[in-house]
Amino acid sequence: MDTELRGRIRITAVPDGDAPLKIKEQWIGVDMRCLWYRQSSFGKHVVSKKPAQTGPVYVVLQKDALDALTQVAPEATKWWNNAGYPESDMGIWLFNAESVTVLEAVPSWSELAGEVN
């Protein structure tokens, strides 16, 4: 996987997922680097590990997201660390598009893959 960070996003609403609401709320206002945008994706819930189909998402490295979260909510970062995150240097999270504002252009997955739209 090419992990060049290509854009920047800000979380502006509580993201989807099965983490506790008080933890998810801590993401609001966090700026982070982003790998790419994808129209839809299959993933897994971060707590239950159950499969989840999502709509439009922004893909970020877990490590980078947690580094950004630490700047504003270190206690929330501790919760994620205790839950086993980041899973690896290459672990990713999907933030639903409804919870994100784009600060710097983020390419789509199809653009990166060279697909014709």
C-alpha atoms as a PDB file:
ATOM      1  CA  MET A   1       0.000   0.000   0.000  1.00  0.00           C
ATOM      2  CA  ASP A   2       1.270   3.459  -0.884  1.00  0.00           C
ATOM      3  CA  THR A   3       1.006   5.414   2.364  1.00  0.00           C
ATOM      4  CA  GLU A   4       1.903   8.858   1.071  1.00  0.00           C
ATOM      5  CA  LEU A   5      -0.387  11.234   2.926  1.00  0.00           C
ATOM      6  CA  ARG A   6      -2.171  13.245   0.285  1.00  0.00           C
ATOM      7  CA  GLY A   7      -4.734  15.471   1.930  1.00  0.00           C
ATOM      8  CA  ARG A   8      -5.969  16.887   5.194  1.00  0.00           C
ATOM      9  CA  ILE A   9      -9.343  16.559   6.902  1.00  0.00           C
ATOM     10  CA  ARG A  10     -11.048  17.877  10.029  1.00  0.00           C
ATOM     11  CA  ILE A  11     -13.593  15.852  11.962  1.00  0.00           C
ATOM     12  CA  THR A  12     -16.639  18.127  12.343  1.00  0.00           C
ATOM     13  CA  ALA A  13     -19.302  15.715  13.633  1.00  0.00           C
ATOM     14  CA  VAL A  14     -19.383  12.527  15.664  1.00  0.00           C
ATOM     15  CA  PRO A  15     -18.046   9.767  13.393  1.00  0.00           C
ATOM     16  CA  ASP A  16     -19.853   6.479  12.834  1.00  0.00           C
ATOM     17  CA  GLY A  17     -18.740   3.393  14.695  1.00  0.00           C
ATOM     18  CA  ASP A  18     -19.240   1.374  17.826  1.00  0.00           C
ATOM     19  CA  ALA A  19     -16.799   3.105  20.179  1.00  0.00           C
ATOM     20  CA  PRO A  20     -18.467   4.785  23.169  1.00  0.00           C
ATOM     21  CA  LEU A  21     -20.113   8.100  22.308  1.00  0.00           C
ATOM     22  CA  LYS A  22     -17.946  10.023  24.804  1.00  0.00           C
ATOM     23  CA  ILE A  23     -14.845   8.732  22.968  1.00  0.00           C
ATOM     24  CA  LYS A  24     -16.226   9.419  19.471  1.00  0.00           C
ATOM     25  CA  GLU A  25     -17.167  12.981  20.481  1.00  0.00           C
ATOM     26  CA  GLN A  26     -13.499  13.691  21.227  1.00  0.00           C
ATOM     27  CA  TRP A  27     -12.703  13.461  17.504  1.00  0.00           C
ATOM     28  CA  ILE A  28     -14.673  16.650  16.763  1.00  0.00           C
ATOM     29  CA  GLY A  29     -12.265  19.436  15.803  1.00  0.00           C
ATOM     30  CA  VAL A  30      -9.303  17.108  15.174  1.00  0.00           C
ATOM     31  CA  ASP A  31      -7.295  17.797  11.996  1.00  0.00           C
ATOM     32  CA  MET A  32      -5.350  14.936  10.438  1.00  0.00           C
ATOM     33  CA  ARG A  33      -3.595  13.796   7.298  1.00  0.00           C
ATOM     34  CA  CYS A  34      -5.573  11.555   4.985  1.00  0.00           C
ATOM     35  CA  LEU A  35      -4.584   8.866   2.486  1.00  0.00           C
ATOM     36  CA  TRP A  36      -7.578   8.907   0.144  1.00  0.00           C
ATOM     37  CA  TYR A  37     -11.335   9.150  -0.308  1.00  0.00           C
ATOM     38  CA  ARG A  38     -13.435   6.146  -1.282  1.00  0.00           C
ATOM     39  CA  GLN A  39     -17.054   6.181  -2.473  1.00  0.00           C
ATOM     40  CA  SER A  40     -17.892   3.029  -0.520  1.00  0.00           C
ATOM     41  CA  SER A  41     -15.974   0.428   1.385  1.00  0.00           C
ATOM     42  CA  PHE A  42     -16.178  -2.685   3.497  1.00  0.00           C
ATOM     43  CA  GLY A  43     -14.596  -2.447   6.908  1.00  0.00           C
ATOM     44  CA  LYS A  44     -15.081  -3.609  10.447  1.00  0.00           C
ATOM     45  CA  HIS A  45     -16.306  -1.931  13.576  1.00  0.00           C
ATOM     46  CA  VAL A  46     -13.358  -0.950  15.734  1.00  0.00           C
ATOM     47  CA  VAL A  47     -14.687  -2.367  18.998  1.00  0.00           C
ATOM     48  CA  SER A  48     -16.827  -5.385  18.077  1.00  0.00           C
ATOM     49  CA  LYS A  49     -14.774  -6.237  14.952  1.00  0.00           C
ATOM     50  CA  LYS A  50     -18.068  -7.040  13.180  1.00  0.00           C
ATOM     51  CA  PRO A  51     -18.116  -6.396   9.417  1.00  0.00           C
ATOM     52  CA  ALA A  52     -19.539  -3.083   8.295  1.00  0.00           C
ATOM     53  CA  GLN A  53     -20.397  -1.749   4.859  1.00  0.00           C
ATOM     54  CA  THR A  54     -19.957   1.996   4.679  1.00  0.00           C
ATOM     55  CA  GLY A  55     -20.843   4.812   2.352  1.00  0.00           C
ATOM     56  CA  PRO A  56     -18.327   7.478   1.339  1.00  0.00           C
ATOM     57  CA  VAL A  57     -15.277   7.436   3.626  1.00  0.00           C
ATOM     58  CA  TYR A  58     -11.921   9.098   4.202  1.00  0.00           C
ATOM     59  CA  VAL A  59      -9.095   6.654   4.876  1.00  0.00           C
ATOM     60  CA  VAL A  60      -6.484   7.597   7.497  1.00  0.00           C
ATOM     61  CA  LEU A  61      -3.628   5.799   9.180  1.00  0.00           C
ATOM     62  CA  GLN A  62      -4.585   4.896  12.757  1.00  0.00           C
ATOM     63  CA  LYS A  63      -1.224   6.091  14.066  1.00  0.00           C
ATOM     64  CA  ASP A  64      -1.588   9.518  12.447  1.00  0.00           C
ATOM     65  CA  ALA A  65      -5.182   9.868  13.639  1.00  0.00           C
ATOM     66  CA  LEU A  66      -4.187   9.004  17.206  1.00  0.00           C
ATOM     67  CA  ASP A  67      -1.220  11.395  17.106  1.00  0.00           C
ATOM     68  CA  ALA A  68      -3.633  14.168  16.092  1.00  0.00           C
ATOM     69  CA  LEU A  69      -6.186  13.148  18.738  1.00  0.00           C
ATOM     70  CA  THR A  70      -3.506  13.247  21.439  1.00  0.00           C
ATOM     71  CA  GLN A  71      -3.067  16.974  20.812  1.00  0.00           C
ATOM     72  CA  VAL A  72      -6.655  17.707  21.898  1.00  0.00           C
ATOM     73  CA  ALA A  73      -7.858  14.693  23.895  1.00  0.00           C
ATOM     74  CA  PRO A  74      -5.039  12.606  25.400  1.00  0.00           C
ATOM     75  CA  GLU A  75      -7.482  10.632  27.565  1.00  0.00           C
ATOM     76  CA  ALA A  76      -9.370   9.516  24.447  1.00  0.00           C
ATOM     77  CA  THR A  77      -6.074   8.407  22.905  1.00  0.00           C
ATOM     78  CA  LYS A  78      -5.394   6.322  26.020  1.00  0.00           C
ATOM     79  CA  TRP A  79      -8.777   4.637  25.547  1.00  0.00           C
ATOM     80  CA  TRP A  80      -7.882   3.735  21.946  1.00  0.00           C
ATOM     81  CA  ASN A  81      -4.445   2.474  23.022  1.00  0.00           C
ATOM     82  CA  ASN A  82      -6.083   0.285  25.684  1.00  0.00           C
ATOM     83  CA  ALA A  83      -8.452  -1.035  23.007  1.00  0.00           C
ATOM     84  CA  GLY A  84      -5.437  -2.195  20.959  1.00  0.00           C
ATOM     85  CA  TYR A  85      -4.894   0.702  18.567  1.00  0.00           C
ATOM     86  CA  PRO A  86      -3.000   1.419  16.474  1.00  0.00           C
ATOM     87  CA  GLU A  87      -3.121  -2.171  15.255  1.00  0.00           C
ATOM     88  CA  SER A  88       0.091  -1.663  13.259  1.00  0.00           C
ATOM     89  CA  ASP A  89       2.022   1.058  11.455  1.00  0.00           C
ATOM     90  CA  MET A  90      -0.186   0.344   8.431  1.00  0.00           C
ATOM     91  CA  GLY A  91      -3.520   0.077  10.289  1.00  0.00           C
ATOM     92  CA  ILE A  92      -6.240   2.278   8.804  1.00  0.00           C
ATOM     93  CA  TRP A  93      -9.512   3.769   9.940  1.00  0.00           C
ATOM     94  CA  LEU A  94     -12.442   4.898   7.819  1.00  0.00           C
ATOM     95  CA  PHE A  95     -14.128   8.178   8.758  1.00  0.00           C
ATOM     96  CA  ASN A  96     -17.574   8.610   7.226  1.00  0.00           C
ATOM     97  CA  ALA A  97     -17.823  11.575   4.866  1.00  0.00           C
ATOM     98  CA  GLU A  98     -20.708  13.139   6.833  1.00  0.00           C
ATOM     99  CA  SER A  99     -18.365  13.679   9.793  1.00  0.00           C
ATOM    100  CA  VAL A 100     -15.533  15.280   7.788  1.00  0.00           C
ATOM    101  CA  THR A 101     -14.599  18.640   6.280  1.00  0.00           C
ATOM    102  CA  VAL A 102     -11.820  18.537   3.699  1.00  0.00           C
ATOM    103  CA  LEU A 103      -9.046  21.050   4.450  1.00  0.00           C
ATOM    104  CA  GLU A 104      -6.634  20.019   1.677  1.00  0.00           C
ATOM    105  CA  ALA A 105      -7.705  18.098  -1.422  1.00  0.00           C
ATOM    106  CA  VAL A 106      -7.897  14.337  -0.965  1.00  0.00           C
ATOM    107  CA  PRO A 107      -7.682  12.112  -4.058  1.00  0.00           C
ATOM    108  CA  SER A 108     -10.254   9.411  -4.631  1.00  0.00           C
ATOM    109  CA  TRP A 109      -9.273   5.765  -4.603  1.00  0.00           C
ATOM    110  CA  SER A 110     -10.202   5.490  -8.279  1.00  0.00           C
ATOM    111  CA  GLU A 111      -7.844   8.371  -9.144  1.00  0.00           C
ATOM    112  CA  LEU A 112      -5.017   6.643  -7.313  1.00  0.00           C
ATOM    113  CA  ALA A 113      -5.794   3.305  -8.924  1.00  0.00           C
ATOM    114  CA  GLY A 114      -5.825   4.912 -12.379  1.00  0.00           C
ATOM    115  CA  GLU A 115      -9.447   4.008 -13.063  1.00  0.00           C
ATOM    116  CA  VAL A 116     -11.498   5.982 -15.545  1.00  0.00           C
ATOM    117  CA  ASN A 117     -14.531   7.618 -13.941  1.00  0.00           C
END
